[in-house]
Amino acid sequence: MPGESKSQEEIVKRLVRLAIYDDVKKELIANTAQVVAGWTKSNEDVWTFAQTTDTLNPVLFRTTDKDDLNRDKVQIVFELVVISMHGGKQSEICCGWCQVPLKQCEKG
């Protein structure tokens, strides 16, 4: 269309990866999940997540005594990821990450 410019890079998906990090052992525990985030072109910097009981995908992490976790020294790591297409190739870009103590995320 005249006057309309097309970006050569197109965002096709956004997601958040979550993992448990053991502060004592200084390692990620191999229990990883990802949650797809919604967004709109008119509000590209806002990531949204389903919040109804019908569509919410709860994230559950399980551990056993073999994991030998000190729950006071465990963090949940959140990684924000954008998946884009550029020149017919799909790429993942990490936009940022944070750690939150597990105790702050537990359902009371």
N, C-alpha and C. Protein backbone atom coordinates (compact mmCIF):
# COMPACT_ATOMS: atom_id res chain seq x y z
N MET A 1 0.83 -1.17 0.00
CA MET A 1 0.00 0.00 0.00
C MET A 1 0.89 1.24 0.00
N PRO A 2 0.55 2.23 -0.77
CA PRO A 2 1.33 3.47 -0.78
C PRO A 2 1.30 4.14 0.59
N GLY A 3 2.45 4.67 0.99
CA GLY A 3 2.54 5.38 2.26
C GLY A 3 2.69 4.47 3.46
N GLU A 4 2.58 3.17 3.27
CA GLU A 4 2.68 2.24 4.39
C GLU A 4 4.05 1.58 4.34
N SER A 5 4.79 1.65 5.41
CA SER A 5 6.10 1.01 5.42
C SER A 5 6.01 -0.30 6.18
N LYS A 6 6.70 -1.29 5.68
CA LYS A 6 6.70 -2.60 6.33
C LYS A 6 8.03 -2.81 7.01
N SER A 7 8.00 -3.21 8.25
CA SER A 7 9.22 -3.51 8.97
C SER A 7 9.80 -4.80 8.43
N GLN A 8 11.11 -4.85 8.34
CA GLN A 8 11.74 -6.08 7.86
C GLN A 8 11.83 -7.11 8.97
N GLU A 9 11.58 -6.68 10.20
CA GLU A 9 11.58 -7.60 11.32
C GLU A 9 10.19 -7.58 11.94
N GLU A 10 9.61 -8.75 12.12
CA GLU A 10 8.25 -8.82 12.64
C GLU A 10 8.24 -9.67 13.90
N ILE A 11 7.65 -9.13 14.97
CA ILE A 11 7.51 -9.89 16.20
C ILE A 11 6.37 -10.89 16.01
N VAL A 12 6.66 -12.16 16.25
CA VAL A 12 5.64 -13.18 16.05
C VAL A 12 5.14 -13.78 17.37
N LYS A 13 5.91 -13.59 18.45
CA LYS A 13 5.50 -14.17 19.72
C LYS A 13 6.31 -13.54 20.85
N ARG A 14 5.68 -13.47 22.02
CA ARG A 14 6.38 -13.06 23.24
C ARG A 14 6.10 -14.12 24.30
N LEU A 15 7.10 -14.38 25.11
CA LEU A 15 6.90 -15.35 26.18
C LEU A 15 7.79 -15.03 27.36
N VAL A 16 7.41 -15.60 28.49
CA VAL A 16 8.21 -15.48 29.71
C VAL A 16 8.62 -16.89 30.10
N ARG A 17 9.92 -17.06 30.30
CA ARG A 17 10.44 -18.34 30.79
C ARG A 17 10.66 -18.21 32.29
N LEU A 18 10.33 -19.27 33.01
CA LEU A 18 10.50 -19.29 34.46
C LEU A 18 11.33 -20.51 34.84
N ALA A 19 12.21 -20.32 35.80
CA ALA A 19 13.01 -21.43 36.30
C ALA A 19 13.31 -21.19 37.77
N ILE A 20 13.67 -22.25 38.47
CA ILE A 20 14.06 -22.13 39.87
C ILE A 20 15.58 -22.04 39.94
N TYR A 21 16.07 -21.07 40.71
CA TYR A 21 17.50 -20.89 40.89
C TYR A 21 17.86 -21.14 42.35
N ASP A 22 18.83 -22.00 42.58
CA ASP A 22 19.29 -22.34 43.92
C ASP A 22 20.47 -21.43 44.27
N ASP A 23 20.26 -20.51 45.20
CA ASP A 23 21.32 -19.58 45.61
C ASP A 23 22.47 -20.28 46.33
N VAL A 24 22.20 -21.41 46.96
CA VAL A 24 23.25 -22.13 47.68
C VAL A 24 24.18 -22.84 46.70
N LYS A 25 23.58 -23.58 45.76
CA LYS A 25 24.37 -24.34 44.78
C LYS A 25 24.81 -23.48 43.59
N LYS A 26 24.23 -22.28 43.47
CA LYS A 26 24.53 -21.36 42.36
C LYS A 26 24.24 -22.00 41.00
N GLU A 27 23.04 -22.61 40.89
CA GLU A 27 22.67 -23.25 39.62
C GLU A 27 21.17 -23.21 39.42
N LEU A 28 20.79 -23.24 38.13
CA LEU A 28 19.38 -23.38 37.79
C LEU A 28 18.98 -24.83 37.97
N ILE A 29 17.80 -25.02 38.48
CA ILE A 29 17.26 -26.37 38.57
C ILE A 29 16.50 -26.63 37.28
N ALA A 30 16.62 -27.79 36.73
CA ALA A 30 16.12 -28.09 35.38
C ALA A 30 14.60 -28.17 35.30
N ASN A 31 13.92 -27.41 36.11
CA ASN A 31 12.46 -27.39 36.10
C ASN A 31 12.04 -26.05 35.50
N THR A 32 11.93 -26.00 34.17
CA THR A 32 11.67 -24.75 33.47
C THR A 32 10.29 -24.77 32.81
N ALA A 33 9.64 -23.60 32.78
CA ALA A 33 8.33 -23.48 32.12
C ALA A 33 8.34 -22.21 31.30
N GLN A 34 7.41 -22.13 30.33
CA GLN A 34 7.24 -20.87 29.61
C GLN A 34 5.77 -20.56 29.47
N VAL A 35 5.48 -19.26 29.55
CA VAL A 35 4.11 -18.76 29.45
C VAL A 35 4.07 -17.74 28.32
N VAL A 36 3.13 -17.92 27.39
CA VAL A 36 2.99 -17.00 26.26
C VAL A 36 2.34 -15.71 26.72
N ALA A 37 2.87 -14.60 26.25
CA ALA A 37 2.34 -13.27 26.59
C ALA A 37 1.62 -12.68 25.38
N GLY A 38 0.55 -11.96 25.62
CA GLY A 38 -0.16 -11.27 24.56
C GLY A 38 0.33 -9.84 24.44
N TRP A 39 0.05 -9.21 23.31
CA TRP A 39 0.44 -7.82 23.07
C TRP A 39 -0.29 -7.33 21.85
N THR A 40 -0.30 -6.01 21.66
CA THR A 40 -0.91 -5.43 20.47
C THR A 40 0.07 -4.45 19.84
N LYS A 41 -0.04 -4.24 18.55
CA LYS A 41 0.86 -3.30 17.86
C LYS A 41 0.65 -1.88 18.34
N SER A 42 -0.55 -1.56 18.78
CA SER A 42 -0.81 -0.20 19.25
C SER A 42 -0.24 0.05 20.65
N ASN A 43 0.11 -1.00 21.35
CA ASN A 43 0.65 -0.88 22.71
C ASN A 43 1.78 -1.90 22.89
N GLU A 44 2.82 -1.77 22.07
CA GLU A 44 3.86 -2.78 21.98
C GLU A 44 4.66 -3.01 23.25
N ASP A 45 4.73 -2.04 24.14
CA ASP A 45 5.55 -2.22 25.33
C ASP A 45 4.78 -2.84 26.50
N VAL A 46 3.52 -3.22 26.28
CA VAL A 46 2.71 -3.84 27.33
C VAL A 46 2.54 -5.33 27.04
N TRP A 47 2.97 -6.15 27.99
CA TRP A 47 2.82 -7.60 27.88
C TRP A 47 1.60 -7.99 28.72
N THR A 48 0.70 -8.79 28.16
CA THR A 48 -0.51 -9.18 28.89
C THR A 48 -0.55 -10.70 29.05
N PHE A 49 -1.30 -11.15 30.06
CA PHE A 49 -1.43 -12.58 30.35
C PHE A 49 -2.88 -12.88 30.65
N ALA A 50 -3.33 -14.06 30.26
CA ALA A 50 -4.71 -14.48 30.51
C ALA A 50 -4.96 -14.50 32.01
N GLN A 51 -6.11 -13.94 32.41
CA GLN A 51 -6.39 -13.85 33.84
C GLN A 51 -7.72 -14.46 34.25
N THR A 52 -8.39 -15.16 33.35
CA THR A 52 -9.64 -15.81 33.73
C THR A 52 -9.34 -17.23 34.16
N THR A 53 -10.22 -17.80 34.94
CA THR A 53 -10.00 -19.17 35.42
C THR A 53 -10.07 -20.17 34.27
N ASP A 54 -10.75 -19.81 33.18
CA ASP A 54 -10.85 -20.72 32.03
C ASP A 54 -9.56 -20.76 31.21
N THR A 55 -8.80 -19.67 31.18
CA THR A 55 -7.65 -19.60 30.29
C THR A 55 -6.30 -19.49 31.00
N LEU A 56 -6.30 -19.30 32.32
CA LEU A 56 -5.04 -19.15 33.03
C LEU A 56 -4.30 -20.48 33.04
N ASN A 57 -3.04 -20.44 32.66
CA ASN A 57 -2.20 -21.63 32.70
C ASN A 57 -1.30 -21.52 33.92
N PRO A 58 -1.69 -22.14 35.03
CA PRO A 58 -0.86 -22.02 36.23
C PRO A 58 0.49 -22.70 36.01
N VAL A 59 1.50 -22.14 36.61
CA VAL A 59 2.83 -22.73 36.54
C VAL A 59 3.09 -23.36 37.89
N LEU A 60 3.36 -24.66 37.87
CA LEU A 60 3.64 -25.39 39.10
C LEU A 60 5.05 -25.96 39.04
N PHE A 61 5.82 -25.73 40.08
CA PHE A 61 7.15 -26.31 40.19
C PHE A 61 7.11 -27.34 41.30
N ARG A 62 7.66 -28.51 41.02
CA ARG A 62 7.72 -29.55 42.04
C ARG A 62 9.16 -29.86 42.35
N THR A 63 9.40 -30.12 43.60
CA THR A 63 10.72 -30.57 44.01
C THR A 63 10.54 -31.77 44.92
N THR A 64 11.60 -32.50 45.10
CA THR A 64 11.59 -33.64 46.02
C THR A 64 12.68 -33.42 47.05
N ASP A 65 12.70 -34.27 48.06
CA ASP A 65 13.74 -34.18 49.08
C ASP A 65 15.13 -34.36 48.47
N LYS A 66 15.22 -35.08 47.35
CA LYS A 66 16.51 -35.29 46.68
C LYS A 66 17.10 -33.97 46.17
N ASP A 67 16.25 -32.97 45.89
CA ASP A 67 16.74 -31.68 45.42
C ASP A 67 17.50 -30.91 46.50
N ASP A 68 17.25 -31.28 47.77
CA ASP A 68 17.95 -30.68 48.90
C ASP A 68 17.93 -29.15 48.83
N LEU A 69 16.73 -28.59 48.69
CA LEU A 69 16.59 -27.14 48.56
C LEU A 69 16.36 -26.48 49.91
N ASN A 70 17.03 -25.37 50.13
CA ASN A 70 16.75 -24.50 51.26
C ASN A 70 15.76 -23.46 50.71
N ARG A 71 14.49 -23.59 51.03
CA ARG A 71 13.45 -22.74 50.44
C ARG A 71 13.68 -21.25 50.69
N ASP A 72 14.44 -20.92 51.70
CA ASP A 72 14.75 -19.51 51.95
C ASP A 72 15.84 -18.99 51.02
N LYS A 73 16.51 -19.87 50.31
CA LYS A 73 17.62 -19.50 49.42
C LYS A 73 17.31 -19.85 47.97
N VAL A 74 16.02 -19.89 47.61
CA VAL A 74 15.60 -20.24 46.25
C VAL A 74 14.92 -19.04 45.61
N GLN A 75 15.23 -18.79 44.35
CA GLN A 75 14.66 -17.68 43.58
C GLN A 75 13.91 -18.25 42.38
N ILE A 76 12.92 -17.52 41.90
CA ILE A 76 12.33 -17.82 40.60
C ILE A 76 12.91 -16.80 39.63
N VAL A 77 13.45 -17.29 38.52
CA VAL A 77 14.03 -16.43 37.50
C VAL A 77 13.00 -16.26 36.39
N PHE A 78 12.72 -15.02 36.02
CA PHE A 78 11.80 -14.69 34.93
C PHE A 78 12.62 -14.10 33.79
N GLU A 79 12.53 -14.69 32.61
CA GLU A 79 13.22 -14.18 31.42
C GLU A 79 12.19 -13.74 30.40
N LEU A 80 12.25 -12.49 29.95
CA LEU A 80 11.34 -11.96 28.94
C LEU A 80 11.95 -12.19 27.57
N VAL A 81 11.21 -12.87 26.69
CA VAL A 81 11.74 -13.26 25.38
C VAL A 81 10.80 -12.80 24.27
N VAL A 82 11.38 -12.25 23.21
CA VAL A 82 10.64 -11.88 22.01
C VAL A 82 11.12 -12.79 20.88
N ILE A 83 10.18 -13.36 20.15
CA ILE A 83 10.51 -14.18 18.99
C ILE A 83 10.11 -13.39 17.76
N SER A 84 11.07 -13.21 16.85
CA SER A 84 10.80 -12.40 15.67
C SER A 84 11.22 -13.14 14.40
N MET A 85 10.69 -12.67 13.29
CA MET A 85 11.06 -13.18 11.97
C MET A 85 11.82 -12.07 11.26
N HIS A 86 12.95 -12.43 10.68
CA HIS A 86 13.76 -11.47 9.93
C HIS A 86 14.37 -12.21 8.75
N GLY A 87 14.01 -11.78 7.56
CA GLY A 87 14.54 -12.42 6.36
C GLY A 87 14.18 -13.89 6.26
N GLY A 88 13.00 -14.25 6.77
CA GLY A 88 12.55 -15.64 6.70
C GLY A 88 13.12 -16.53 7.79
N LYS A 89 13.91 -15.96 8.69
CA LYS A 89 14.49 -16.74 9.79
C LYS A 89 13.92 -16.29 11.12
N GLN A 90 13.66 -17.26 11.99
CA GLN A 90 13.13 -16.96 13.31
C GLN A 90 14.28 -16.77 14.30
N SER A 91 14.17 -15.75 15.14
CA SER A 91 15.20 -15.47 16.14
C SER A 91 14.56 -15.22 17.49
N GLU A 92 15.28 -15.57 18.56
CA GLU A 92 14.85 -15.27 19.91
C GLU A 92 15.74 -14.16 20.47
N ILE A 93 15.11 -13.21 21.14
CA ILE A 93 15.84 -12.11 21.74
C ILE A 93 15.42 -12.02 23.21
N CYS A 94 16.38 -12.06 24.10
CA CYS A 94 16.09 -11.86 25.52
C CYS A 94 16.01 -10.37 25.77
N CYS A 95 14.87 -9.92 26.29
CA CYS A 95 14.66 -8.49 26.55
C CYS A 95 15.00 -8.11 27.98
N GLY A 96 15.19 -9.08 28.84
CA GLY A 96 15.51 -8.80 30.23
C GLY A 96 15.13 -9.97 31.11
N TRP A 97 15.57 -9.90 32.35
CA TRP A 97 15.24 -10.95 33.31
C TRP A 97 15.27 -10.37 34.72
N CYS A 98 14.68 -11.12 35.65
CA CYS A 98 14.75 -10.73 37.06
C CYS A 98 14.64 -11.99 37.91
N GLN A 99 15.03 -11.85 39.17
CA GLN A 99 14.90 -12.93 40.14
C GLN A 99 14.00 -12.44 41.27
N VAL A 100 13.11 -13.32 41.72
CA VAL A 100 12.22 -13.01 42.82
C VAL A 100 12.31 -14.16 43.82
N PRO A 101 12.48 -13.87 45.11
CA PRO A 101 12.53 -14.95 46.10
C PRO A 101 11.26 -15.80 46.03
N LEU A 102 11.43 -17.12 46.10
CA LEU A 102 10.31 -18.05 46.02
C LEU A 102 9.25 -17.73 47.06
N LYS A 103 9.67 -17.35 48.24
CA LYS A 103 8.72 -17.05 49.33
C LYS A 103 7.73 -15.95 48.93
N GLN A 104 8.15 -15.01 48.08
CA GLN A 104 7.25 -13.93 47.65
C GLN A 104 6.23 -14.41 46.62
N CYS A 105 6.47 -15.57 46.00
CA CYS A 105 5.58 -16.08 44.96
C CYS A 105 4.64 -17.17 45.44
N GLU A 106 4.84 -17.66 46.63
CA GLU A 106 4.02 -18.75 47.15
C GLU A 106 2.61 -18.26 47.42
N LYS A 107 1.66 -19.15 47.11
CA LYS A 107 0.26 -18.85 47.37
C LYS A 107 0.01 -19.07 48.87
N GLY A 108 -0.54 -18.08 49.51
CA GLY A 108 -0.72 -18.15 50.95
C GLY A 108 -1.95 -18.79 51.33
